[in-house]
Amino acid sequence: MNRWGIPKWLEEEVKARDKTCVYCGVQLLESVPRGYPRKDVATWEHIINDARIITRENIARCCASCNSSKGTKMLSVWLRSDYCKQNRIDENTVAPVVKKALQCL
């Protein structure tokens, strides 16, 4: 289990599924190469901001930029933010796991 309470089996499953940010689609980096910004590094994300929901439908990987921007905002609110508008992120461009979460809201 990692420090966010995600079991190893789920961590491996999500890493295999989410090679790109589930929000903006950038190719995720596992670590920051020397001289590169941290913005594209993979971070763990609770799509629905509830740390108690540790399921394949709620745990995802996104870039540090999107994770920082989303913070604790509700997904539907964040998708209307200036950050999402500037980066052309909306309910049609996000990964299938996020689209599915949106249907449940």
PDB file of N, CA and C in Angstrom:
ATOM      1  N   MET A   1       0.850  -1.174   0.000  1.00  0.00           N
ATOM      2  CA  MET A   1       0.000   0.000   0.000  1.00  0.00           C
ATOM      3  C   MET A   1       0.904   1.248   0.000  1.00  0.00           C
ATOM      4  N   ASN A   2       0.553   2.210  -0.865  1.00  0.00           N
ATOM      5  CA  ASN A   2       1.379   3.417  -0.903  1.00  0.00           C
ATOM      6  C   ASN A   2       0.929   4.414   0.168  1.00  0.00           C
ATOM      7  N   ARG A   3       1.558   5.569   0.237  1.00  0.00           N
ATOM      8  CA  ARG A   3       1.275   6.526   1.316  1.00  0.00           C
ATOM      9  C   ARG A   3      -0.108   7.163   1.200  1.00  0.00           C
ATOM     10  N   TRP A   4      -0.793   6.978   0.085  1.00  0.00           N
ATOM     11  CA  TRP A   4      -2.164   7.487  -0.084  1.00  0.00           C
ATOM     12  C   TRP A   4      -3.205   6.405   0.187  1.00  0.00           C
ATOM     13  N   GLY A   5      -2.736   5.254   0.641  1.00  0.00           N
ATOM     14  CA  GLY A   5      -3.653   4.170   0.966  1.00  0.00           C
ATOM     15  C   GLY A   5      -4.105   3.358  -0.234  1.00  0.00           C
ATOM     16  N   ILE A   6      -3.402   3.491  -1.355  1.00  0.00           N
ATOM     17  CA  ILE A   6      -3.765   2.751  -2.563  1.00  0.00           C
ATOM     18  C   ILE A   6      -3.040   1.402  -2.540  1.00  0.00           C
ATOM     19  N   PRO A   7      -3.781   0.305  -2.572  1.00  0.00           N
ATOM     20  CA  PRO A   7      -3.143  -1.016  -2.572  1.00  0.00           C
ATOM     21  C   PRO A   7      -2.248  -1.200  -3.806  1.00  0.00           C
ATOM     22  N   LYS A   8      -1.208  -1.984  -3.641  1.00  0.00           N
ATOM     23  CA  LYS A   8      -0.230  -2.210  -4.713  1.00  0.00           C
ATOM     24  C   LYS A   8      -0.902  -2.705  -5.996  1.00  0.00           C
ATOM     25  N   TRP A   9      -1.849  -3.632  -5.890  1.00  0.00           N
ATOM     26  CA  TRP A   9      -2.510  -4.178  -7.080  1.00  0.00           C
ATOM     27  C   TRP A   9      -3.251  -3.084  -7.847  1.00  0.00           C
ATOM     28  N   LEU A  10      -3.898  -2.152  -7.112  1.00  0.00           N
ATOM     29  CA  LEU A  10      -4.625  -1.076  -7.765  1.00  0.00           C
ATOM     30  C   LEU A  10      -3.661  -0.041  -8.342  1.00  0.00           C
ATOM     31  N   GLU A  11      -2.602   0.223  -7.622  1.00  0.00           N
ATOM     32  CA  GLU A  11      -1.573   1.148  -8.111  1.00  0.00           C
ATOM     33  C   GLU A  11      -1.028   0.654  -9.452  1.00  0.00           C
ATOM     34  N   GLU A  12      -0.709  -0.629  -9.539  1.00  0.00           N
ATOM     35  CA  GLU A  12      -0.173  -1.190 -10.784  1.00  0.00           C
ATOM     36  C   GLU A  12      -1.205  -1.146 -11.911  1.00  0.00           C
ATOM     37  N   GLU A  13      -2.447  -1.436 -11.592  1.00  0.00           N
ATOM     38  CA  GLU A  13      -3.519  -1.407 -12.593  1.00  0.00           C
ATOM     39  C   GLU A  13      -3.705   0.010 -13.152  1.00  0.00           C
ATOM     40  N   VAL A  14      -3.728   0.997 -12.260  1.00  0.00           N
ATOM     41  CA  VAL A  14      -3.933   2.384 -12.691  1.00  0.00           C
ATOM     42  C   VAL A  14      -2.718   2.890 -13.465  1.00  0.00           C
ATOM     43  N   LYS A  15      -1.520   2.521 -13.050  1.00  0.00           N
ATOM     44  CA  LYS A  15      -0.315   2.929 -13.793  1.00  0.00           C
ATOM     45  C   LYS A  15      -0.336   2.364 -15.209  1.00  0.00           C
ATOM     46  N   ALA A  16      -0.816   1.146 -15.364  1.00  0.00           N
ATOM     47  CA  ALA A  16      -0.902   0.532 -16.695  1.00  0.00           C
ATOM     48  C   ALA A  16      -1.960   1.235 -17.550  1.00  0.00           C
ATOM     49  N   ARG A  17      -3.033   1.694 -16.929  1.00  0.00           N
ATOM     50  CA  ARG A  17      -4.125   2.355 -17.650  1.00  0.00           C
ATOM     51  C   ARG A  17      -3.785   3.809 -17.981  1.00  0.00           C
ATOM     52  N   ASP A  18      -3.232   4.529 -17.034  1.00  0.00           N
ATOM     53  CA  ASP A  18      -3.041   5.976 -17.175  1.00  0.00           C
ATOM     54  C   ASP A  18      -1.583   6.324 -17.503  1.00  0.00           C
ATOM     55  N   LYS A  19      -1.238   6.193 -18.759  1.00  0.00           N
ATOM     56  CA  LYS A  19       0.110   6.557 -19.223  1.00  0.00           C
ATOM     57  C   LYS A  19       0.190   8.052 -19.530  1.00  0.00           C
ATOM     58  N   THR A  20      -0.979   8.649 -19.768  1.00  0.00           N
ATOM     59  CA  THR A  20      -1.067  10.089 -20.012  1.00  0.00           C
ATOM     60  C   THR A  20      -2.006  10.678 -18.965  1.00  0.00           C
ATOM     61  N   CYS A  21      -1.914  11.970 -18.752  1.00  0.00           N
ATOM     62  CA  CYS A  21      -2.766  12.661 -17.785  1.00  0.00           C
ATOM     63  C   CYS A  21      -4.232  12.440 -18.158  1.00  0.00           C
ATOM     64  N   VAL A  22      -5.038  12.033 -17.185  1.00  0.00           N
ATOM     65  CA  VAL A  22      -6.449  11.762 -17.460  1.00  0.00           C
ATOM     66  C   VAL A  22      -7.220  13.037 -17.789  1.00  0.00           C
ATOM     67  N   TYR A  23      -6.622  14.187 -17.542  1.00  0.00           N
ATOM     68  CA  TYR A  23      -7.287  15.461 -17.827  1.00  0.00           C
ATOM     69  C   TYR A  23      -6.770  16.114 -19.110  1.00  0.00           C
ATOM     70  N   CYS A  24      -5.477  16.403 -19.171  1.00  0.00           N
ATOM     71  CA  CYS A  24      -4.957  17.153 -20.327  1.00  0.00           C
ATOM     72  C   CYS A  24      -4.313  16.270 -21.390  1.00  0.00           C
ATOM     73  N   GLY A  25      -4.014  15.014 -21.052  1.00  0.00           N
ATOM     74  CA  GLY A  25      -3.463  14.081 -22.032  1.00  0.00           C
ATOM     75  C   GLY A  25      -1.958  14.118 -22.217  1.00  0.00           C
ATOM     76  N   VAL A  26      -1.244  14.922 -21.440  1.00  0.00           N
ATOM     77  CA  VAL A  26       0.210  14.993 -21.575  1.00  0.00           C
ATOM     78  C   VAL A  26       0.824  13.646 -21.164  1.00  0.00           C
ATOM     79  N   GLN A  27       1.905  13.272 -21.843  1.00  0.00           N
ATOM     80  CA  GLN A  27       2.628  12.045 -21.493  1.00  0.00           C
ATOM     81  C   GLN A  27       3.215  12.217 -20.096  1.00  0.00           C
ATOM     82  N   LEU A  28       2.904  11.294 -19.193  1.00  0.00           N
ATOM     83  CA  LEU A  28       3.350  11.410 -17.807  1.00  0.00           C
ATOM     84  C   LEU A  28       4.782  10.938 -17.626  1.00  0.00           C
ATOM     85  N   LEU A  29       5.499  11.644 -16.785  1.00  0.00           N
ATOM     86  CA  LEU A  29       6.854  11.272 -16.402  1.00  0.00           C
ATOM     87  C   LEU A  29       6.805  10.641 -15.018  1.00  0.00           C
ATOM     88  N   GLU A  30       7.611   9.615 -14.790  1.00  0.00           N
ATOM     89  CA  GLU A  30       7.652   8.979 -13.469  1.00  0.00           C
ATOM     90  C   GLU A  30       8.507   9.779 -12.497  1.00  0.00           C
ATOM     91  N   SER A  31       9.470  10.501 -13.021  1.00  0.00           N
ATOM     92  CA  SER A  31      10.317  11.357 -12.186  1.00  0.00           C
ATOM     93  C   SER A  31      10.754  12.550 -13.032  1.00  0.00           C
ATOM     94  N   VAL A  32      11.310  13.535 -12.368  1.00  0.00           N
ATOM     95  CA  VAL A  32      11.715  14.754 -13.065  1.00  0.00           C
ATOM     96  C   VAL A  32      13.158  14.623 -13.541  1.00  0.00           C
ATOM     97  N   PRO A  33      13.370  14.589 -14.856  1.00  0.00           N
ATOM     98  CA  PRO A  33      14.744  14.581 -15.358  1.00  0.00           C
ATOM     99  C   PRO A  33      15.416  15.917 -15.024  1.00  0.00           C
ATOM    100  N   ARG A  34      16.690  15.871 -14.823  1.00  0.00           N
ATOM    101  CA  ARG A  34      17.447  17.082 -14.500  1.00  0.00           C
ATOM    102  C   ARG A  34      17.179  18.164 -15.542  1.00  0.00           C
ATOM    103  N   GLY A  35      16.823  19.331 -15.049  1.00  0.00           N
ATOM    104  CA  GLY A  35      16.603  20.468 -15.928  1.00  0.00           C
ATOM    105  C   GLY A  35      15.194  20.586 -16.489  1.00  0.00           C
ATOM    106  N   TYR A  36      14.323  19.646 -16.159  1.00  0.00           N
ATOM    107  CA  TYR A  36      12.945  19.678 -16.645  1.00  0.00           C
ATOM    108  C   TYR A  36      12.021  20.194 -15.539  1.00  0.00           C
ATOM    109  N   PRO A  37      10.927  20.852 -15.932  1.00  0.00           N
ATOM    110  CA  PRO A  37       9.969  21.274 -14.909  1.00  0.00           C
ATOM    111  C   PRO A  37       9.171  20.081 -14.383  1.00  0.00           C
ATOM    112  N   ARG A  38       8.606  20.234 -13.204  1.00  0.00           N
ATOM    113  CA  ARG A  38       7.866  19.166 -12.536  1.00  0.00           C
ATOM    114  C   ARG A  38       6.450  18.997 -13.088  1.00  0.00           C
ATOM    115  N   LYS A  39       5.993  19.878 -13.931  1.00  0.00           N
ATOM    116  CA  LYS A  39       4.591  19.923 -14.346  1.00  0.00           C
ATOM    117  C   LYS A  39       4.068  18.642 -14.993  1.00  0.00           C
ATOM    118  N   ASP A  40       4.905  17.861 -15.647  1.00  0.00           N
ATOM    119  CA  ASP A  40       4.448  16.645 -16.337  1.00  0.00           C
ATOM    120  C   ASP A  40       4.654  15.362 -15.527  1.00  0.00           C
ATOM    121  N   VAL A  41       5.064  15.504 -14.271  1.00  0.00           N
ATOM    122  CA  VAL A  41       5.288  14.338 -13.425  1.00  0.00           C
ATOM    123  C   VAL A  41       3.942  13.751 -13.012  1.00  0.00           C
ATOM    124  N   ALA A  42       3.858  12.433 -13.030  1.00  0.00           N
ATOM    125  CA  ALA A  42       2.635  11.730 -12.648  1.00  0.00           C
ATOM    126  C   ALA A  42       2.337  11.922 -11.167  1.00  0.00           C
ATOM    127  N   THR A  43       1.081  12.231 -10.865  1.00  0.00           N
ATOM    128  CA  THR A  43       0.611  12.337  -9.487  1.00  0.00           C
ATOM    129  C   THR A  43      -0.645  11.494  -9.340  1.00  0.00           C
ATOM    130  N   TRP A  44      -0.937  11.103  -8.113  1.00  0.00           N
ATOM    131  CA  TRP A  44      -2.146  10.340  -7.829  1.00  0.00           C
ATOM    132  C   TRP A  44      -3.303  11.294  -7.651  1.00  0.00           C
ATOM    133  N   GLU A  45      -4.444  10.916  -8.173  1.00  0.00           N
ATOM    134  CA  GLU A  45      -5.618  11.772  -8.176  1.00  0.00           C
ATOM    135  C   GLU A  45      -6.852  10.994  -7.736  1.00  0.00           C
ATOM    136  N   HIS A  46      -7.628  11.609  -6.851  1.00  0.00           N
ATOM    137  CA  HIS A  46      -8.977  11.126  -6.542  1.00  0.00           C
ATOM    138  C   HIS A  46      -9.896  11.957  -7.427  1.00  0.00           C
ATOM    139  N   ILE A  47     -10.487  11.353  -8.428  1.00  0.00           N
ATOM    140  CA  ILE A  47     -11.332  12.093  -9.365  1.00  0.00           C
ATOM    141  C   ILE A  47     -12.459  12.788  -8.596  1.00  0.00           C
ATOM    142  N   ILE A  48     -13.134  12.025  -7.766  1.00  0.00           N
ATOM    143  CA  ILE A  48     -14.093  12.597  -6.827  1.00  0.00           C
ATOM    144  C   ILE A  48     -13.294  12.801  -5.544  1.00  0.00           C
ATOM    145  N   ASN A  49     -13.218  14.032  -5.073  1.00  0.00           N
ATOM    146  CA  ASN A  49     -12.325  14.366  -3.950  1.00  0.00           C
ATOM    147  C   ASN A  49     -12.808  13.784  -2.630  1.00  0.00           C
ATOM    148  N   ASP A  50     -12.634  12.493  -2.507  1.00  0.00           N
ATOM    149  CA  ASP A  50     -12.952  11.798  -1.271  1.00  0.00           C
ATOM    150  C   ASP A  50     -11.904  10.703  -1.107  1.00  0.00           C
ATOM    151  N   ALA A  51     -10.978  10.934  -0.199  1.00  0.00           N
ATOM    152  CA  ALA A  51      -9.854  10.009  -0.008  1.00  0.00           C
ATOM    153  C   ALA A  51     -10.297   8.632   0.456  1.00  0.00           C
ATOM    154  N   ARG A  52     -11.539   8.513   0.890  1.00  0.00           N
ATOM    155  CA  ARG A  52     -12.043   7.205   1.319  1.00  0.00           C
ATOM    156  C   ARG A  52     -12.439   6.332   0.134  1.00  0.00           C
ATOM    157  N   ILE A  53     -12.609   6.947  -1.055  1.00  0.00           N
ATOM    158  CA  ILE A  53     -13.015   6.179  -2.244  1.00  0.00           C
ATOM    159  C   ILE A  53     -11.752   5.753  -2.987  1.00  0.00           C
ATOM    160  N   ILE A  54     -11.322   4.547  -2.699  1.00  0.00           N
ATOM    161  CA  ILE A  54     -10.097   4.007  -3.312  1.00  0.00           C
ATOM    162  C   ILE A  54     -10.504   2.850  -4.209  1.00  0.00           C
ATOM    163  N   THR A  55     -10.982   3.228  -5.403  1.00  0.00           N
ATOM    164  CA  THR A  55     -11.441   2.252  -6.384  1.00  0.00           C
ATOM    165  C   THR A  55     -10.826   2.584  -7.735  1.00  0.00           C
ATOM    166  N   ARG A  56     -10.861   1.626  -8.651  1.00  0.00           N
ATOM    167  CA  ARG A  56     -10.321   1.864 -10.000  1.00  0.00           C
ATOM    168  C   ARG A  56     -11.101   2.950 -10.726  1.00  0.00           C
ATOM    169  N   GLU A  57     -12.346   3.204 -10.293  1.00  0.00           N
ATOM    170  CA  GLU A  57     -13.158   4.246 -10.919  1.00  0.00           C
ATOM    171  C   GLU A  57     -12.835   5.644 -10.381  1.00  0.00           C
ATOM    172  N   ASN A  58     -12.179   5.719  -9.224  1.00  0.00           N
ATOM    173  CA  ASN A  58     -11.906   7.029  -8.626  1.00  0.00           C
ATOM    174  C   ASN A  58     -10.425   7.368  -8.540  1.00  0.00           C
ATOM    175  N   ILE A  59      -9.563   6.386  -8.597  1.00  0.00           N
ATOM    176  CA  ILE A  59      -8.125   6.638  -8.533  1.00  0.00           C
ATOM    177  C   ILE A  59      -7.591   6.732  -9.955  1.00  0.00           C
ATOM    178  N   ALA A  60      -6.828   7.790 -10.204  1.00  0.00           N
ATOM    179  CA  ALA A  60      -6.267   8.003 -11.542  1.00  0.00           C
ATOM    180  C   ALA A  60      -4.913   8.674 -11.396  1.00  0.00           C
ATOM    181  N   ARG A  61      -4.255   8.828 -12.537  1.00  0.00           N
ATOM    182  CA  ARG A  61      -2.990   9.568 -12.545  1.00  0.00           C
ATOM    183  C   ARG A  61      -3.152  10.763 -13.461  1.00  0.00           C
ATOM    184  N   CYS A  62      -2.658  11.868 -12.983  1.00  0.00           N
ATOM    185  CA  CYS A  62      -2.692  13.094 -13.778  1.00  0.00           C
ATOM    186  C   CYS A  62      -1.380  13.832 -13.572  1.00  0.00           C
ATOM    187  N   CYS A  63      -1.142  14.810 -14.421  1.00  0.00           N
ATOM    188  CA  CYS A  63       0.098  15.578 -14.312  1.00  0.00           C
ATOM    189  C   CYS A  63       0.028  16.503 -13.094  1.00  0.00           C
ATOM    190  N   ALA A  64       1.181  16.902 -12.614  1.00  0.00           N
ATOM    191  CA  ALA A  64       1.252  17.786 -11.453  1.00  0.00           C
ATOM    192  C   ALA A  64       0.544  19.107 -11.712  1.00  0.00           C
ATOM    193  N   SER A  65       0.578  19.590 -12.938  1.00  0.00           N
ATOM    194  CA  SER A  65      -0.090  20.863 -13.262  1.00  0.00           C
ATOM    195  C   SER A  65      -1.595  20.752 -13.071  1.00  0.00           C
ATOM    196  N   CYS A  66      -2.203  19.710 -13.637  1.00  0.00           N
ATOM    197  CA  CYS A  66      -3.652  19.545 -13.493  1.00  0.00           C
ATOM    198  C   CYS A  66      -4.023  19.268 -12.041  1.00  0.00           C
ATOM    199  N   ASN A  67      -3.249  18.445 -11.363  1.00  0.00           N
ATOM    200  CA  ASN A  67      -3.545  18.117  -9.978  1.00  0.00           C
ATOM    201  C   ASN A  67      -3.475  19.364  -9.101  1.00  0.00           C
ATOM    202  N   SER A  68      -2.483  20.179  -9.335  1.00  0.00           N
ATOM    203  CA  SER A  68      -2.333  21.418  -8.579  1.00  0.00           C
ATOM    204  C   SER A  68      -3.498  22.366  -8.852  1.00  0.00           C
ATOM    205  N   SER A  69      -3.889  22.471 -10.103  1.00  0.00           N
ATOM    206  CA  SER A  69      -4.990  23.351 -10.469  1.00  0.00           C
ATOM    207  C   SER A  69      -6.316  22.864  -9.889  1.00  0.00           C
ATOM    208  N   LYS A  70      -6.562  21.561  -9.981  1.00  0.00           N
ATOM    209  CA  LYS A  70      -7.832  21.015  -9.489  1.00  0.00           C
ATOM    210  C   LYS A  70      -7.906  21.087  -7.972  1.00  0.00           C
ATOM    211  N   GLY A  71      -6.815  20.750  -7.306  1.00  0.00           N
ATOM    212  CA  GLY A  71      -6.818  20.800  -5.846  1.00  0.00           C
ATOM    213  C   GLY A  71      -7.997  20.032  -5.271  1.00  0.00           C
ATOM    214  N   THR A  72      -8.783  20.697  -4.430  1.00  0.00           N
ATOM    215  CA  THR A  72      -9.936  20.051  -3.798  1.00  0.00           C
ATOM    216  C   THR A  72     -11.257  20.464  -4.446  1.00  0.00           C
ATOM    217  N   LYS A  73     -11.163  21.091  -5.617  1.00  0.00           N
ATOM    218  CA  LYS A  73     -12.388  21.525  -6.307  1.00  0.00           C
ATOM    219  C   LYS A  73     -13.177  20.300  -6.793  1.00  0.00           C
ATOM    220  N   MET A  74     -14.479  20.459  -6.834  1.00  0.00           N
ATOM    221  CA  MET A  74     -15.308  19.428  -7.446  1.00  0.00           C
ATOM    222  C   MET A  74     -14.968  19.373  -8.933  1.00  0.00           C
ATOM    223  N   LEU A  75     -14.965  18.194  -9.503  1.00  0.00           N
ATOM    224  CA  LEU A  75     -14.598  18.000 -10.897  1.00  0.00           C
ATOM    225  C   LEU A  75     -15.425  18.887 -11.827  1.00  0.00           C
ATOM    226  N   SER A  76     -16.728  18.915 -11.639  1.00  0.00           N
ATOM    227  CA  SER A  76     -17.594  19.703 -12.531  1.00  0.00           C
ATOM    228  C   SER A  76     -17.296  21.197 -12.436  1.00  0.00           C
ATOM    229  N   VAL A  77     -16.914  21.671 -11.270  1.00  0.00           N
ATOM    230  CA  VAL A  77     -16.553  23.085 -11.082  1.00  0.00           C
ATOM    231  C   VAL A  77     -15.205  23.356 -11.739  1.00  0.00           C
ATOM    232  N   TRP A  78     -14.244  22.472 -11.491  1.00  0.00           N
ATOM    233  CA  TRP A  78     -12.903  22.659 -12.043  1.00  0.00           C
ATOM    234  C   TRP A  78     -12.917  22.672 -13.571  1.00  0.00           C
ATOM    235  N   LEU A  79     -13.750  21.833 -14.181  1.00  0.00           N
ATOM    236  CA  LEU A  79     -13.804  21.781 -15.648  1.00  0.00           C
ATOM    237  C   LEU A  79     -14.281  23.099 -16.268  1.00  0.00           C
ATOM    238  N   ARG A  80     -14.872  23.961 -15.468  1.00  0.00           N
ATOM    239  CA  ARG A  80     -15.293  25.277 -15.957  1.00  0.00           C
ATOM    240  C   ARG A  80     -14.284  26.377 -15.607  1.00  0.00           C
ATOM    241  N   SER A  81     -13.155  26.007 -15.040  1.00  0.00           N
ATOM    242  CA  SER A  81     -12.155  26.979 -14.598  1.00  0.00           C
ATOM    243  C   SER A  81     -11.378  27.575 -15.777  1.00  0.00           C
ATOM    244  N   ASP A  82     -10.737  28.695 -15.520  1.00  0.00           N
ATOM    245  CA  ASP A  82      -9.884  29.323 -16.535  1.00  0.00           C
ATOM    246  C   ASP A  82      -8.754  28.384 -16.953  1.00  0.00           C
ATOM    247  N   TYR A  83      -8.196  27.648 -15.992  1.00  0.00           N
ATOM    248  CA  TYR A  83      -7.124  26.707 -16.306  1.00  0.00           C
ATOM    249  C   TYR A  83      -7.594  25.720 -17.375  1.00  0.00           C
ATOM    250  N   CYS A  84      -8.763  25.138 -17.179  1.00  0.00           N
ATOM    251  CA  CYS A  84      -9.284  24.162 -18.144  1.00  0.00           C
ATOM    252  C   CYS A  84      -9.584  24.816 -19.484  1.00  0.00           C
ATOM    253  N   LYS A  85     -10.132  26.008 -19.454  1.00  0.00           N
ATOM    254  CA  LYS A  85     -10.405  26.721 -20.707  1.00  0.00           C
ATOM    255  C   LYS A  85      -9.111  26.991 -21.462  1.00  0.00           C
ATOM    256  N   GLN A  86      -8.091  27.455 -20.757  1.00  0.00           N
ATOM    257  CA  GLN A  86      -6.803  27.768 -21.396  1.00  0.00           C
ATOM    258  C   GLN A  86      -6.123  26.523 -21.952  1.00  0.00           C
ATOM    259  N   ASN A  87      -6.351  25.384 -21.306  1.00  0.00           N
ATOM    260  CA  ASN A  87      -5.702  24.138 -21.726  1.00  0.00           C
ATOM    261  C   ASN A  87      -6.621  23.230 -22.529  1.00  0.00           C
ATOM    262  N   ARG A  88      -7.772  23.760 -22.909  1.00  0.00           N
ATOM    263  CA  ARG A  88      -8.750  23.031 -23.724  1.00  0.00           C
ATOM    264  C   ARG A  88      -9.134  21.681 -23.114  1.00  0.00           C
ATOM    265  N   ILE A  89      -9.410  21.730 -21.816  1.00  0.00           N
ATOM    266  CA  ILE A  89      -9.848  20.542 -21.079  1.00  0.00           C
ATOM    267  C   ILE A  89     -11.340  20.693 -20.819  1.00  0.00           C
ATOM    268  N   ASP A  90     -12.109  19.703 -21.232  1.00  0.00           N
ATOM    269  CA  ASP A  90     -13.537  19.713 -20.937  1.00  0.00           C
ATOM    270  C   ASP A  90     -14.042  18.278 -20.867  1.00  0.00           C
ATOM    271  N   GLU A  91     -15.337  18.130 -20.644  1.00  0.00           N
ATOM    272  CA  GLU A  91     -15.913  16.790 -20.465  1.00  0.00           C
ATOM    273  C   GLU A  91     -15.745  15.905 -21.701  1.00  0.00           C
ATOM    274  N   ASN A  92     -15.459  16.490 -22.858  1.00  0.00           N
ATOM    275  CA  ASN A  92     -15.271  15.708 -24.077  1.00  0.00           C
ATOM    276  C   ASN A  92     -13.823  15.287 -24.306  1.00  0.00           C
ATOM    277  N   THR A  93     -12.875  15.972 -23.666  1.00  0.00           N
ATOM    278  CA  THR A  93     -11.459  15.707 -23.930  1.00  0.00           C
ATOM    279  C   THR A  93     -10.787  14.864 -22.857  1.00  0.00           C
ATOM    280  N   VAL A  94     -11.438  14.671 -21.714  1.00  0.00           N
ATOM    281  CA  VAL A  94     -10.832  13.910 -20.617  1.00  0.00           C
ATOM    282  C   VAL A  94     -10.863  12.412 -20.917  1.00  0.00           C
ATOM    283  N   ALA A  95     -10.087  11.659 -20.152  1.00  0.00           N
ATOM    284  CA  ALA A  95      -9.997  10.208 -20.321  1.00  0.00           C
ATOM    285  C   ALA A  95     -11.326   9.532 -19.975  1.00  0.00           C
ATOM    286  N   PRO A  96     -11.553   8.342 -20.508  1.00  0.00           N
ATOM    287  CA  PRO A  96     -12.792   7.617 -20.239  1.00  0.00           C
ATOM    288  C   PRO A  96     -13.119   7.450 -18.752  1.00  0.00           C
ATOM    289  N   VAL A  97     -12.128   7.235 -17.915  1.00  0.00           N
ATOM    290  CA  VAL A  97     -12.398   7.061 -16.475  1.00  0.00           C
ATOM    291  C   VAL A  97     -12.994   8.339 -15.884  1.00  0.00           C
ATOM    292  N   VAL A  98     -12.592   9.493 -16.392  1.00  0.00           N
ATOM    293  CA  VAL A  98     -13.126  10.763 -15.908  1.00  0.00           C
ATOM    294  C   VAL A  98     -14.539  10.978 -16.480  1.00  0.00           C
ATOM    295  N   LYS A  99     -14.713  10.642 -17.739  1.00  0.00           N
ATOM    296  CA  LYS A  99     -16.050  10.749 -18.342  1.00  0.00           C
ATOM    297  C   LYS A  99     -17.062   9.917 -17.568  1.00  0.00           C
ATOM    298  N   LYS A 100     -16.644   8.730 -17.182  1.00  0.00           N
ATOM    299  CA  LYS A 100     -17.533   7.848 -16.420  1.00  0.00           C
ATOM    300  C   LYS A 100     -17.879   8.468 -15.061  1.00  0.00           C
ATOM    301  N   ALA A 101     -16.895   9.076 -14.405  1.00  0.00           N
ATOM    302  CA  ALA A 101     -17.142   9.739 -13.120  1.00  0.00           C
ATOM    303  C   ALA A 101     -18.112  10.899 -13.292  1.00  0.00           C
ATOM    304  N   LEU A 102     -17.996  11.623 -14.381  1.00  0.00           N
ATOM    305  CA  LEU A 102     -18.891  12.746 -14.649  1.00  0.00           C
ATOM    306  C   LEU A 102     -20.345  12.284 -14.805  1.00  0.00           C
ATOM    307  N   GLN A 103     -20.533  11.111 -15.358  1.00  0.00           N
ATOM    308  CA  GLN A 103     -21.890  10.585 -15.540  1.00  0.00           C
ATOM    309  C   GLN A 103     -22.549  10.273 -14.194  1.00  0.00           C
ATOM    310  N   CYS A 104     -21.724  10.026 -13.194  1.00  0.00           N
ATOM    311  CA  CYS A 104     -22.252   9.677 -11.857  1.00  0.00           C
ATOM    312  C   CYS A 104     -22.528  10.899 -10.998  1.00  0.00           C
ATOM    313  N   LEU A 105     -22.115  12.074 -11.460  1.00  0.00           N
ATOM    314  CA  LEU A 105     -22.327  13.289 -10.662  1.00  0.00           C
ATOM    315  C   LEU A 105     -23.730  13.814 -10.791  1.00  0.00           C
TER     316      LEU A 105
END
